[in-house]
Amino acid sequence: MGYLIKGEWHEGWYDTSKTGGEFVRADSQFRDVVTANGASNYPAEAGRYHLYVSLACPWAHRALIFRKLKQLEEVISVSVVDPVITEGGWAFRDGFTDTVNGFAFLRETYVHANPGYSGRVTVPVLWDKQTGRIVNNESAEIIRMLNSEFDAFTPVKTDFYPAAMRREIDEVNAFVYERINNGVYKAGFAGSQRVYESAVTRLFAALDEIEMRLGQSRYLVGVTLTEADWRLFTTLIRFDAVYVTHFKCNLRRIEDYPNLSNYLRDLYQVPGIAETVDFDHIKRHYFLSHRHLNPSGLVPKGPMLDYGTAHNRERLMARGAKRSVS
């Protein structure tokens, strides 16, 4: 792992000694938007934009899911990085190719877009082929663009962020991001026993709360499948395969939660979603990239997971009860 300082690459892990042992995620820096009406510098056009992703990364996985759900594969092209991070950061090697710029490392896109960039090099990246710039590297904003701004180029008009539900979706997103999406990293990258125990306790308290919520409604916001569900999905699908062992999030597995485990199967079985899940990339990324957590570099063969089996979530379609999250 590493980072850029004024466009120059430096190797180094997150320094939790400066934050009391806590992992602190930096904000994304490229925050422009693509707009359907041309109100921004980046109008929605077919073939103009490109996604740089990792199949292993839960944040990039969100973007791939929305690209799939909205049938934008022919509208927005994609390049996949090697799942294993070594010296130099995310890279294109061993059959993984940057089909737009021919770069060897993802960091080159950051420096090309901003020669003085300082910060981590992360996926996903939404790239504008026309201007040769990064439009955005914040997954939460990229999926919003994919959800609505390219509707002129897809037959799929499903809105995963409907106006009438936005307040509750935002409320759920904030809870899930802080306590679960980022919560697994706060536990896994903790720099002290005290910080780890606090983080893992908060994480499982949040999972317990979501388990209760999903006992009342099929999805996180009633009976409608929304953005909030997909933002949670990418963490849940990695939980038992990686986070239980690698990040020591082992109080319980997702399989131990009746509602969460069936909910995870429900989402996994949405047409097209299974195609976006690659457990080989996921496991190799975490267990081979984080050598300070796994010095031997051994990638576990298990667990044996089958998310294609039956679930019981349809029974809740008539029950749209909603609960606030704390």
C-alpha atoms as a PDB file:
ATOM      1  CA  MET A   1       0.000   0.000   0.000  1.00  0.00           C
ATOM      2  CA  GLY A   2       1.155   3.539  -0.582  1.00  0.00           C
ATOM      3  CA  TYR A   3       0.177   7.088  -1.408  1.00  0.00           C
ATOM      4  CA  LEU A   4       1.073  10.103  -3.496  1.00  0.00           C
ATOM      5  CA  ILE A   5       2.593  13.322  -2.175  1.00  0.00           C
ATOM      6  CA  LYS A   6       2.534  16.107  -4.758  1.00  0.00           C
ATOM      7  CA  GLY A   7       2.440  13.522  -7.504  1.00  0.00           C
ATOM      8  CA  GLU A   8       5.318  11.415  -6.159  1.00  0.00           C
ATOM      9  CA  TRP A   9       4.688   7.830  -5.014  1.00  0.00           C
ATOM     10  CA  HIS A  10       5.569   6.731  -1.473  1.00  0.00           C
ATOM     11  CA  GLU A  11       5.196   3.274   0.044  1.00  0.00           C
ATOM     12  CA  GLY A  12       3.520   3.178   3.442  1.00  0.00           C
ATOM     13  CA  TRP A  13       0.587   1.951   5.487  1.00  0.00           C
ATOM     14  CA  TYR A  14      -1.947   4.035   7.397  1.00  0.00           C
ATOM     15  CA  ASP A  15      -0.236   5.549  10.445  1.00  0.00           C
ATOM     16  CA  THR A  16      -2.728   4.836  13.237  1.00  0.00           C
ATOM     17  CA  SER A  17      -0.253   6.078  15.859  1.00  0.00           C
ATOM     18  CA  LYS A  18      -1.336   9.611  14.949  1.00  0.00           C
ATOM     19  CA  THR A  19      -5.030   8.828  15.506  1.00  0.00           C
ATOM     20  CA  GLY A  20      -4.942   6.971  18.803  1.00  0.00           C
ATOM     21  CA  GLY A  21      -4.902   3.581  17.083  1.00  0.00           C
ATOM     22  CA  GLU A  22      -8.021   4.291  15.029  1.00  0.00           C
ATOM     23  CA  PHE A  23      -8.282   3.806  11.282  1.00  0.00           C
ATOM     24  CA  VAL A  24      -9.444   7.058   9.673  1.00  0.00           C
ATOM     25  CA  ARG A  25     -10.561   7.000   6.051  1.00  0.00           C
ATOM     26  CA  ALA A  26      -9.712  10.114   4.055  1.00  0.00           C
ATOM     27  CA  ASP A  27     -12.360  11.842   1.955  1.00  0.00           C
ATOM     28  CA  SER A  28     -12.297  11.380  -1.816  1.00  0.00           C
ATOM     29  CA  GLN A  29     -10.911  14.400  -3.654  1.00  0.00           C
ATOM     30  CA  PHE A  30     -12.346  14.213  -7.186  1.00  0.00           C
ATOM     31  CA  ARG A  31     -15.986  15.206  -6.858  1.00  0.00           C
ATOM     32  CA  ASP A  32     -17.243  16.444 -10.232  1.00  0.00           C
ATOM     33  CA  VAL A  33     -20.459  15.018 -11.656  1.00  0.00           C
ATOM     34  CA  VAL A  34     -21.845  13.743 -14.923  1.00  0.00           C
ATOM     35  CA  THR A  35     -25.254  15.249 -15.687  1.00  0.00           C
ATOM     36  CA  ALA A  36     -27.963  14.216 -18.103  1.00  0.00           C
ATOM     37  CA  ASN A  37     -28.966  17.812 -18.803  1.00  0.00           C
ATOM     38  CA  GLY A  38     -25.440  19.066 -19.481  1.00  0.00           C
ATOM     39  CA  ALA A  39     -25.433  21.341 -16.441  1.00  0.00           C
ATOM     40  CA  SER A  40     -21.913  20.217 -15.496  1.00  0.00           C
ATOM     41  CA  ASN A  41     -18.671  20.108 -17.456  1.00  0.00           C
ATOM     42  CA  TYR A  42     -19.354  16.406 -17.986  1.00  0.00           C
ATOM     43  CA  PRO A  43     -22.547  15.753 -19.988  1.00  0.00           C
ATOM     44  CA  ALA A  44     -23.834  12.198 -20.121  1.00  0.00           C
ATOM     45  CA  GLU A  45     -22.748  10.555 -23.373  1.00  0.00           C
ATOM     46  CA  ALA A  46     -22.479   6.953 -24.488  1.00  0.00           C
ATOM     47  CA  GLY A  47     -18.885   5.787 -24.839  1.00  0.00           C
ATOM     48  CA  ARG A  48     -17.313   8.840 -23.216  1.00  0.00           C
ATOM     49  CA  TYR A  49     -16.737   7.543 -19.691  1.00  0.00           C
ATOM     50  CA  HIS A  50     -14.655   4.716 -18.287  1.00  0.00           C
ATOM     51  CA  LEU A  51     -14.583   2.995 -14.907  1.00  0.00           C
ATOM     52  CA  TYR A  52     -11.418   1.813 -13.232  1.00  0.00           C
ATOM     53  CA  VAL A  53     -12.337  -0.854 -10.679  1.00  0.00           C
ATOM     54  CA  SER A  54     -11.144  -3.752  -8.589  1.00  0.00           C
ATOM     55  CA  LEU A  55     -13.403  -6.792  -8.366  1.00  0.00           C
ATOM     56  CA  ALA A  56     -12.116  -7.212  -4.811  1.00  0.00           C
ATOM     57  CA  CYS A  57     -12.951  -3.757  -3.469  1.00  0.00           C
ATOM     58  CA  PRO A  58     -16.402  -3.289  -1.896  1.00  0.00           C
ATOM     59  CA  TRP A  59     -16.504   0.394  -2.891  1.00  0.00           C
ATOM     60  CA  ALA A  60     -15.718  -0.367  -6.544  1.00  0.00           C
ATOM     61  CA  HIS A  61     -18.151  -3.293  -6.423  1.00  0.00           C
ATOM     62  CA  ARG A  62     -20.963  -0.796  -5.870  1.00  0.00           C
ATOM     63  CA  ALA A  63     -20.191   0.862  -9.199  1.00  0.00           C
ATOM     64  CA  LEU A  64     -20.061  -2.468 -11.029  1.00  0.00           C
ATOM     65  CA  ILE A  65     -23.427  -3.427  -9.558  1.00  0.00           C
ATOM     66  CA  PHE A  66     -25.089  -0.235 -10.782  1.00  0.00           C
ATOM     67  CA  ARG A  67     -23.459  -0.556 -14.193  1.00  0.00           C
ATOM     68  CA  LYS A  68     -24.953  -4.059 -14.361  1.00  0.00           C
ATOM     69  CA  LEU A  69     -28.392  -3.201 -12.955  1.00  0.00           C
ATOM     70  CA  LYS A  70     -28.806  -0.238 -15.306  1.00  0.00           C
ATOM     71  CA  GLN A  71     -27.482  -2.214 -18.311  1.00  0.00           C
ATOM     72  CA  LEU A  72     -24.741   0.310 -19.002  1.00  0.00           C
ATOM     73  CA  GLU A  73     -22.063  -2.175 -20.088  1.00  0.00           C
ATOM     74  CA  GLU A  74     -22.105  -0.834 -23.664  1.00  0.00           C
ATOM     75  CA  VAL A  75     -22.290   2.777 -22.481  1.00  0.00           C
ATOM     76  CA  ILE A  76     -19.490   2.899 -19.897  1.00  0.00           C
ATOM     77  CA  SER A  77     -16.349   0.833 -20.448  1.00  0.00           C
ATOM     78  CA  VAL A  78     -14.311  -0.676 -17.628  1.00  0.00           C
ATOM     79  CA  SER A  79     -10.755  -1.697 -16.733  1.00  0.00           C
ATOM     80  CA  VAL A  80     -10.053  -4.086 -13.856  1.00  0.00           C
ATOM     81  CA  VAL A  81      -6.862  -3.879 -11.799  1.00  0.00           C
ATOM     82  CA  ASP A  82      -4.902  -6.852 -10.498  1.00  0.00           C
ATOM     83  CA  PRO A  83      -6.519  -7.799  -7.160  1.00  0.00           C
ATOM     84  CA  VAL A  84      -3.216  -7.962  -5.277  1.00  0.00           C
ATOM     85  CA  ILE A  85      -1.642  -4.686  -4.181  1.00  0.00           C
ATOM     86  CA  THR A  86       2.147  -4.780  -4.079  1.00  0.00           C
ATOM     87  CA  GLU A  87       4.761  -2.042  -4.399  1.00  0.00           C
ATOM     88  CA  GLY A  88       3.369   0.702  -6.587  1.00  0.00           C
ATOM     89  CA  GLY A  89      -0.246   0.225  -5.527  1.00  0.00           C
ATOM     90  CA  TRP A  90      -3.121  -0.943  -7.731  1.00  0.00           C
ATOM     91  CA  ALA A  91      -1.568  -2.196 -10.959  1.00  0.00           C
ATOM     92  CA  PHE A  92      -2.323  -3.505 -14.442  1.00  0.00           C
ATOM     93  CA  ARG A  93      -0.309  -6.700 -14.957  1.00  0.00           C
ATOM     94  CA  ASP A  94      -0.648 -10.428 -15.636  1.00  0.00           C
ATOM     95  CA  GLY A  95      -3.527 -10.000 -18.059  1.00  0.00           C
ATOM     96  CA  PHE A  96      -5.130  -6.986 -16.378  1.00  0.00           C
ATOM     97  CA  THR A  97      -4.957  -4.074 -18.813  1.00  0.00           C
ATOM     98  CA  ASP A  98      -5.754  -0.388 -18.848  1.00  0.00           C
ATOM     99  CA  THR A  99      -7.712  -0.362 -22.095  1.00  0.00           C
ATOM    100  CA  VAL A 100      -7.960   3.439 -22.266  1.00  0.00           C
ATOM    101  CA  ASN A 101      -4.597   4.920 -21.325  1.00  0.00           C
ATOM    102  CA  GLY A 102      -2.293   1.926 -21.260  1.00  0.00           C
ATOM    103  CA  PHE A 103      -1.019   2.844 -17.800  1.00  0.00           C
ATOM    104  CA  ALA A 104       0.870   0.291 -15.706  1.00  0.00           C
ATOM    105  CA  PHE A 105      -0.418   1.636 -12.381  1.00  0.00           C
ATOM    106  CA  LEU A 106      -3.720   3.214 -11.390  1.00  0.00           C
ATOM    107  CA  ARG A 107      -1.817   6.033  -9.686  1.00  0.00           C
ATOM    108  CA  GLU A 108      -0.889   7.281 -13.167  1.00  0.00           C
ATOM    109  CA  THR A 109      -4.517   8.273 -13.765  1.00  0.00           C
ATOM    110  CA  TYR A 110      -4.416  10.397 -10.603  1.00  0.00           C
ATOM    111  CA  VAL A 111      -1.179  12.135 -11.562  1.00  0.00           C
ATOM    112  CA  HIS A 112      -2.362  12.638 -15.134  1.00  0.00           C
ATOM    113  CA  ALA A 113      -5.538  14.291 -13.854  1.00  0.00           C
ATOM    114  CA  ASN A 114      -3.710  16.305 -11.172  1.00  0.00           C
ATOM    115  CA  PRO A 115       0.117  16.369 -11.266  1.00  0.00           C
ATOM    116  CA  GLY A 116       0.196  17.731  -7.719  1.00  0.00           C
ATOM    117  CA  TYR A 117      -2.174  15.178  -6.211  1.00  0.00           C
ATOM    118  CA  SER A 118      -1.531  14.128  -2.603  1.00  0.00           C
ATOM    119  CA  GLY A 119      -3.434  11.230  -1.050  1.00  0.00           C
ATOM    120  CA  ARG A 120      -4.332   7.571  -1.434  1.00  0.00           C
ATOM    121  CA  VAL A 121      -5.048   6.035  -4.829  1.00  0.00           C
ATOM    122  CA  THR A 122      -8.405   4.294  -4.600  1.00  0.00           C
ATOM    123  CA  VAL A 123     -11.028   2.602  -6.754  1.00  0.00           C
ATOM    124  CA  PRO A 124     -13.499   3.169  -8.277  1.00  0.00           C
ATOM    125  CA  VAL A 125     -12.429   5.950 -10.605  1.00  0.00           C
ATOM    126  CA  LEU A 126     -14.808   7.462 -13.154  1.00  0.00           C
ATOM    127  CA  TRP A 127     -12.640   8.698 -16.029  1.00  0.00           C
ATOM    128  CA  ASP A 128     -13.547  11.057 -18.876  1.00  0.00           C
ATOM    129  CA  LYS A 129     -11.919   9.860 -22.093  1.00  0.00           C
ATOM    130  CA  GLN A 130     -12.583  13.161 -23.852  1.00  0.00           C
ATOM    131  CA  THR A 131     -10.763  15.455 -21.422  1.00  0.00           C
ATOM    132  CA  GLY A 132      -8.378  12.880 -19.967  1.00  0.00           C
ATOM    133  CA  ARG A 133      -9.445  13.667 -16.438  1.00  0.00           C
ATOM    134  CA  ILE A 134     -10.901  11.946 -13.408  1.00  0.00           C
ATOM    135  CA  VAL A 135     -14.494  13.008 -12.966  1.00  0.00           C
ATOM    136  CA  ASN A 136     -15.048  11.387  -9.588  1.00  0.00           C
ATOM    137  CA  ASN A 137     -13.509   8.810  -7.249  1.00  0.00           C
ATOM    138  CA  GLU A 138     -16.254   8.716  -4.614  1.00  0.00           C
ATOM    139  CA  SER A 139     -18.284   5.522  -4.991  1.00  0.00           C
ATOM    140  CA  ALA A 140     -21.408   6.925  -3.323  1.00  0.00           C
ATOM    141  CA  GLU A 141     -21.571   9.696  -5.920  1.00  0.00           C
ATOM    142  CA  ILE A 142     -20.627   7.511  -8.879  1.00  0.00           C
ATOM    143  CA  ILE A 143     -23.519   5.112  -8.241  1.00  0.00           C
ATOM    144  CA  ARG A 144     -25.929   8.060  -8.097  1.00  0.00           C
ATOM    145  CA  MET A 145     -24.745   9.138 -11.546  1.00  0.00           C
ATOM    146  CA  LEU A 146     -25.104   5.631 -12.917  1.00  0.00           C
ATOM    147  CA  ASN A 147     -28.554   5.389 -11.348  1.00  0.00           C
ATOM    148  CA  SER A 148     -30.043   8.445 -13.034  1.00  0.00           C
ATOM    149  CA  GLU A 149     -27.824  10.416 -15.400  1.00  0.00           C
ATOM    150  CA  PHE A 150     -27.490   7.820 -18.176  1.00  0.00           C
ATOM    151  CA  ASP A 151     -31.167   6.896 -18.482  1.00  0.00           C
ATOM    152  CA  ALA A 152     -31.228   8.120 -22.086  1.00  0.00           C
ATOM    153  CA  PHE A 153     -28.881   5.267 -22.992  1.00  0.00           C
ATOM    154  CA  THR A 154     -30.525   2.339 -21.203  1.00  0.00           C
ATOM    155  CA  PRO A 155     -33.929   0.660 -21.300  1.00  0.00           C
ATOM    156  CA  VAL A 156     -33.799   0.242 -17.501  1.00  0.00           C
ATOM    157  CA  LYS A 157     -35.650   3.096 -15.801  1.00  0.00           C
ATOM    158  CA  THR A 158     -35.670   1.642 -12.281  1.00  0.00           C
ATOM    159  CA  ASP A 159     -34.729   4.370  -9.800  1.00  0.00           C
ATOM    160  CA  PHE A 160     -32.804   3.089  -6.798  1.00  0.00           C
ATOM    161  CA  TYR A 161     -32.873   6.531  -5.151  1.00  0.00           C
ATOM    162  CA  PRO A 162     -36.496   7.677  -5.550  1.00  0.00           C
ATOM    163  CA  ALA A 163     -37.252  11.215  -4.389  1.00  0.00           C
ATOM    164  CA  ALA A 164     -39.999  10.178  -1.968  1.00  0.00           C
ATOM    165  CA  MET A 165     -37.645   7.836  -0.104  1.00  0.00           C
ATOM    166  CA  ARG A 166     -34.422   9.846  -0.081  1.00  0.00           C
ATOM    167  CA  ARG A 167     -34.593  11.033   3.506  1.00  0.00           C
ATOM    168  CA  GLU A 168     -34.877   7.509   4.858  1.00  0.00           C
ATOM    169  CA  ILE A 169     -32.352   6.100   2.384  1.00  0.00           C
ATOM    170  CA  ASP A 170     -29.838   8.758   3.455  1.00  0.00           C
ATOM    171  CA  GLU A 171     -30.486   7.962   7.112  1.00  0.00           C
ATOM    172  CA  VAL A 172     -29.893   4.253   6.568  1.00  0.00           C
ATOM    173  CA  ASN A 173     -26.823   4.914   4.385  1.00  0.00           C
ATOM    174  CA  ALA A 174     -25.200   7.048   7.083  1.00  0.00           C
ATOM    175  CA  PHE A 175     -25.728   4.342   9.696  1.00  0.00           C
ATOM    176  CA  VAL A 176     -24.535   1.507   7.465  1.00  0.00           C
ATOM    177  CA  TYR A 177     -21.488   3.398   6.218  1.00  0.00           C
ATOM    178  CA  GLU A 178     -20.186   4.443   9.622  1.00  0.00           C
ATOM    179  CA  ARG A 179     -21.058   1.312  11.572  1.00  0.00           C
ATOM    180  CA  ILE A 180     -20.757  -1.498   8.985  1.00  0.00           C
ATOM    181  CA  ASN A 181     -19.137  -0.567   5.630  1.00  0.00           C
ATOM    182  CA  ASN A 182     -16.337   1.334   7.338  1.00  0.00           C
ATOM    183  CA  GLY A 183     -16.848  -0.500  10.624  1.00  0.00           C
ATOM    184  CA  VAL A 184     -15.135  -3.668   9.385  1.00  0.00           C
ATOM    185  CA  TYR A 185     -12.075  -1.616   8.466  1.00  0.00           C
ATOM    186  CA  LYS A 186     -12.071   0.154  11.809  1.00  0.00           C
ATOM    187  CA  ALA A 187     -11.858  -3.262  13.449  1.00  0.00           C
ATOM    188  CA  GLY A 188      -9.431  -4.817  10.973  1.00  0.00           C
ATOM    189  CA  PHE A 189      -7.004  -1.909  10.830  1.00  0.00           C
ATOM    190  CA  ALA A 190      -7.177  -0.972  14.532  1.00  0.00           C
ATOM    191  CA  GLY A 191      -3.818  -0.150  16.049  1.00  0.00           C
ATOM    192  CA  SER A 192      -4.524  -1.264  19.619  1.00  0.00           C
ATOM    193  CA  GLN A 193      -6.537  -3.870  21.516  1.00  0.00           C
ATOM    194  CA  ARG A 194      -8.751  -1.200  23.072  1.00  0.00           C
ATOM    195  CA  VAL A 195      -9.597   0.366  19.715  1.00  0.00           C
ATOM    196  CA  TYR A 196     -10.210  -3.032  18.117  1.00  0.00           C
ATOM    197  CA  GLU A 197     -12.584  -4.201  20.851  1.00  0.00           C
ATOM    198  CA  SER A 198     -14.522  -0.935  20.741  1.00  0.00           C
ATOM    199  CA  ALA A 199     -14.795  -1.094  16.936  1.00  0.00           C
ATOM    200  CA  VAL A 200     -15.850  -4.731  16.752  1.00  0.00           C
ATOM    201  CA  THR A 201     -18.440  -4.230  19.491  1.00  0.00           C
ATOM    202  CA  ARG A 202     -19.979  -1.301  17.605  1.00  0.00           C
ATOM    203  CA  LEU A 203     -19.921  -3.279  14.367  1.00  0.00           C
ATOM    204  CA  PHE A 204     -21.879  -6.210  15.755  1.00  0.00           C
ATOM    205  CA  ALA A 205     -24.306  -3.960  17.596  1.00  0.00           C
ATOM    206  CA  ALA A 206     -25.064  -2.420  14.199  1.00  0.00           C
ATOM    207  CA  LEU A 207     -25.477  -5.829  12.547  1.00  0.00           C
ATOM    208  CA  ASP A 208     -27.838  -6.825  15.366  1.00  0.00           C
ATOM    209  CA  GLU A 209     -29.913  -3.726  14.683  1.00  0.00           C
ATOM    210  CA  ILE A 210     -30.066  -4.391  10.943  1.00  0.00           C
ATOM    211  CA  GLU A 211     -31.031  -8.004  11.692  1.00  0.00           C
ATOM    212  CA  MET A 212     -34.035  -6.719  13.652  1.00  0.00           C
ATOM    213  CA  ARG A 213     -34.950  -4.261  10.917  1.00  0.00           C
ATOM    214  CA  LEU A 214     -34.897  -6.998   8.291  1.00  0.00           C
ATOM    215  CA  GLY A 215     -37.305  -9.027  10.393  1.00  0.00           C
ATOM    216  CA  GLN A 216     -39.926  -6.368   9.634  1.00  0.00           C
ATOM    217  CA  SER A 217     -39.395  -5.631   5.943  1.00  0.00           C
ATOM    218  CA  ARG A 218     -37.838  -7.358   2.959  1.00  0.00           C
ATOM    219  CA  TYR A 219     -35.387  -4.544   2.251  1.00  0.00           C
ATOM    220  CA  LEU A 220     -33.741  -1.823   4.318  1.00  0.00           C
ATOM    221  CA  VAL A 221     -36.377   0.730   3.342  1.00  0.00           C
ATOM    222  CA  GLY A 222     -39.637  -1.196   3.280  1.00  0.00           C
ATOM    223  CA  VAL A 223     -40.584  -3.327   0.264  1.00  0.00           C
ATOM    224  CA  THR A 224     -38.550  -1.347  -2.286  1.00  0.00           C
ATOM    225  CA  LEU A 225     -35.057  -2.388  -3.346  1.00  0.00           C
ATOM    226  CA  THR A 226     -32.944   0.771  -3.115  1.00  0.00           C
ATOM    227  CA  GLU A 227     -29.415   2.083  -3.206  1.00  0.00           C
ATOM    228  CA  ALA A 228     -29.166   1.440   0.540  1.00  0.00           C
ATOM    229  CA  ASP A 229     -29.423  -2.319   0.016  1.00  0.00           C
ATOM    230  CA  TRP A 230     -26.617  -2.405  -2.550  1.00  0.00           C
ATOM    231  CA  ARG A 231     -24.353  -0.299  -0.360  1.00  0.00           C
ATOM    232  CA  LEU A 232     -24.763  -2.855   2.435  1.00  0.00           C
ATOM    233  CA  PHE A 233     -24.558  -5.866   0.109  1.00  0.00           C
ATOM    234  CA  THR A 234     -20.914  -5.363  -0.871  1.00  0.00           C
ATOM    235  CA  THR A 235     -19.837  -5.588   2.776  1.00  0.00           C
ATOM    236  CA  LEU A 236     -22.083  -8.533   3.624  1.00  0.00           C
ATOM    237  CA  ILE A 237     -20.899 -10.613   0.663  1.00  0.00           C
ATOM    238  CA  ARG A 238     -17.287 -10.290   1.874  1.00  0.00           C
ATOM    239  CA  PHE A 239     -18.013 -10.781   5.552  1.00  0.00           C
ATOM    240  CA  ASP A 240     -17.852 -14.537   6.077  1.00  0.00           C
ATOM    241  CA  ALA A 241     -15.226 -15.062   3.362  1.00  0.00           C
ATOM    242  CA  VAL A 242     -12.797 -12.414   4.637  1.00  0.00           C
ATOM    243  CA  TYR A 243     -13.779 -10.118   7.479  1.00  0.00           C
ATOM    244  CA  VAL A 244     -14.531 -12.855  10.026  1.00  0.00           C
ATOM    245  CA  THR A 245     -10.942 -14.089   9.950  1.00  0.00           C
ATOM    246  CA  HIS A 246      -8.773 -11.454   8.292  1.00  0.00           C
ATOM    247  CA  PHE A 247     -10.278  -8.479  10.156  1.00  0.00           C
ATOM    248  CA  LYS A 248     -11.077 -10.499  13.305  1.00  0.00           C
ATOM    249  CA  CYS A 249     -14.783  -9.650  13.026  1.00  0.00           C
ATOM    250  CA  ASN A 250     -15.592 -13.023  14.510  1.00  0.00           C
ATOM    251  CA  LEU A 251     -18.261 -12.561  17.163  1.00  0.00           C
ATOM    252  CA  ARG A 252     -20.738 -13.989  14.665  1.00  0.00           C
ATOM    253  CA  ARG A 253     -20.915 -14.797  10.966  1.00  0.00           C
ATOM    254  CA  ILE A 254     -23.568 -13.427   8.631  1.00  0.00           C
ATOM    255  CA  GLU A 255     -24.683 -17.073   8.341  1.00  0.00           C
ATOM    256  CA  ASP A 256     -25.533 -16.931  12.060  1.00  0.00           C
ATOM    257  CA  TYR A 257     -28.135 -14.202  11.447  1.00  0.00           C
ATOM    258  CA  PRO A 258     -31.390 -15.646  10.059  1.00  0.00           C
ATOM    259  CA  ASN A 259     -32.624 -12.421   8.478  1.00  0.00           C
ATOM    260  CA  LEU A 260     -29.288 -11.076   7.247  1.00  0.00           C
ATOM    261  CA  SER A 261     -28.233 -14.382   5.700  1.00  0.00           C
ATOM    262  CA  ASN A 262     -31.521 -14.795   3.813  1.00  0.00           C
ATOM    263  CA  TYR A 263     -31.453 -11.119   2.796  1.00  0.00           C
ATOM    264  CA  LEU A 264     -27.925 -11.586   1.423  1.00  0.00           C
ATOM    265  CA  ARG A 265     -29.122 -14.533  -0.676  1.00  0.00           C
ATOM    266  CA  ASP A 266     -32.090 -12.498  -1.873  1.00  0.00           C
ATOM    267  CA  LEU A 267     -29.823  -9.732  -3.187  1.00  0.00           C
ATOM    268  CA  TYR A 268     -27.244 -12.131  -4.613  1.00  0.00           C
ATOM    269  CA  GLN A 269     -29.968 -13.804  -6.673  1.00  0.00           C
ATOM    270  CA  VAL A 270     -31.117 -10.567  -8.344  1.00  0.00           C
ATOM    271  CA  PRO A 271     -30.391 -11.162 -12.064  1.00  0.00           C
ATOM    272  CA  GLY A 272     -26.849 -10.148 -12.971  1.00  0.00           C
ATOM    273  CA  ILE A 273     -25.541  -9.632  -9.439  1.00  0.00           C
ATOM    274  CA  ALA A 274     -23.768 -12.976  -9.056  1.00  0.00           C
ATOM    275  CA  GLU A 275     -21.721 -12.050 -12.152  1.00  0.00           C
ATOM    276  CA  THR A 276     -20.255  -9.075 -10.257  1.00  0.00           C
ATOM    277  CA  VAL A 277     -19.018 -11.215  -7.333  1.00  0.00           C
ATOM    278  CA  ASP A 278     -15.546 -12.753  -7.655  1.00  0.00           C
ATOM    279  CA  PHE A 279     -14.434 -14.550  -4.490  1.00  0.00           C
ATOM    280  CA  ASP A 280     -11.053 -15.402  -5.990  1.00  0.00           C
ATOM    281  CA  HIS A 281     -10.250 -11.701  -6.426  1.00  0.00           C
ATOM    282  CA  ILE A 282     -11.767 -10.848  -3.056  1.00  0.00           C
ATOM    283  CA  LYS A 283      -9.783 -13.404  -1.072  1.00  0.00           C
ATOM    284  CA  ARG A 284      -6.494 -12.914  -2.900  1.00  0.00           C
ATOM    285  CA  HIS A 285      -6.732  -9.145  -2.486  1.00  0.00           C
ATOM    286  CA  TYR A 286      -7.225  -9.109   1.262  1.00  0.00           C
ATOM    287  CA  PHE A 287      -5.014 -12.031   2.250  1.00  0.00           C
ATOM    288  CA  LEU A 288      -2.130 -11.167  -0.103  1.00  0.00           C
ATOM    289  CA  SER A 289      -2.220  -7.359  -0.028  1.00  0.00           C
ATOM    290  CA  HIS A 290      -2.314  -6.855   3.755  1.00  0.00           C
ATOM    291  CA  ARG A 291       0.897  -8.660   4.661  1.00  0.00           C
ATOM    292  CA  HIS A 292       1.115  -6.906   8.035  1.00  0.00           C
ATOM    293  CA  LEU A 293      -2.110  -8.753   8.932  1.00  0.00           C
ATOM    294  CA  ASN A 294      -1.232 -12.003   7.131  1.00  0.00           C
ATOM    295  CA  PRO A 295       2.582 -12.261   6.934  1.00  0.00           C
ATOM    296  CA  SER A 296       2.592 -15.785   5.484  1.00  0.00           C
ATOM    297  CA  GLY A 297       0.480 -14.726   2.512  1.00  0.00           C
ATOM    298  CA  LEU A 298      -1.634 -17.858   2.742  1.00  0.00           C
ATOM    299  CA  VAL A 299      -5.061 -17.609   1.108  1.00  0.00           C
ATOM    300  CA  PRO A 300      -7.647 -19.806   2.876  1.00  0.00           C
ATOM    301  CA  LYS A 301      -9.535 -22.349   0.792  1.00  0.00           C
ATOM    302  CA  GLY A 302     -12.746 -21.872   2.733  1.00  0.00           C
ATOM    303  CA  PRO A 303     -15.314 -21.177   3.800  1.00  0.00           C
ATOM    304  CA  MET A 304     -17.638 -23.011   1.442  1.00  0.00           C
ATOM    305  CA  LEU A 305     -20.328 -20.474   0.580  1.00  0.00           C
ATOM    306  CA  ASP A 306     -23.436 -20.934  -1.544  1.00  0.00           C
ATOM    307  CA  TYR A 307     -25.610 -17.866  -1.938  1.00  0.00           C
ATOM    308  CA  GLY A 308     -27.711 -19.439  -4.673  1.00  0.00           C
ATOM    309  CA  THR A 309     -29.805 -21.479  -2.253  1.00  0.00           C
ATOM    310  CA  ALA A 310     -33.396 -20.658  -1.362  1.00  0.00           C
ATOM    311  CA  HIS A 311     -34.294 -17.707   0.844  1.00  0.00           C
ATOM    312  CA  ASN A 312     -37.510 -16.703   2.589  1.00  0.00           C
ATOM    313  CA  ARG A 313     -37.675 -12.987   1.912  1.00  0.00           C
ATOM    314  CA  GLU A 314     -40.771 -12.897  -0.311  1.00  0.00           C
ATOM    315  CA  ARG A 315     -42.932 -13.456   2.784  1.00  0.00           C
ATOM    316  CA  LEU A 316     -42.215  -9.861   3.836  1.00  0.00           C
ATOM    317  CA  MET A 317     -43.425  -8.172   0.650  1.00  0.00           C
ATOM    318  CA  ALA A 318     -46.756  -7.296   2.230  1.00  0.00           C
ATOM    319  CA  ARG A 319     -45.075  -5.890   5.313  1.00  0.00           C
ATOM    320  CA  GLY A 320     -43.487  -2.551   4.582  1.00  0.00           C
ATOM    321  CA  ALA A 321     -42.783  -1.654   8.180  1.00  0.00           C
ATOM    322  CA  LYS A 322     -39.872   0.734   8.708  1.00  0.00           C
ATOM    323  CA  ARG A 323     -37.718   1.427  11.734  1.00  0.00           C
ATOM    324  CA  SER A 324     -35.338   4.268  12.343  1.00  0.00           C
ATOM    325  CA  VAL A 325     -31.704   3.365  12.876  1.00  0.00           C
ATOM    326  CA  SER A 326     -29.890   4.694  15.903  1.00  0.00           C
END
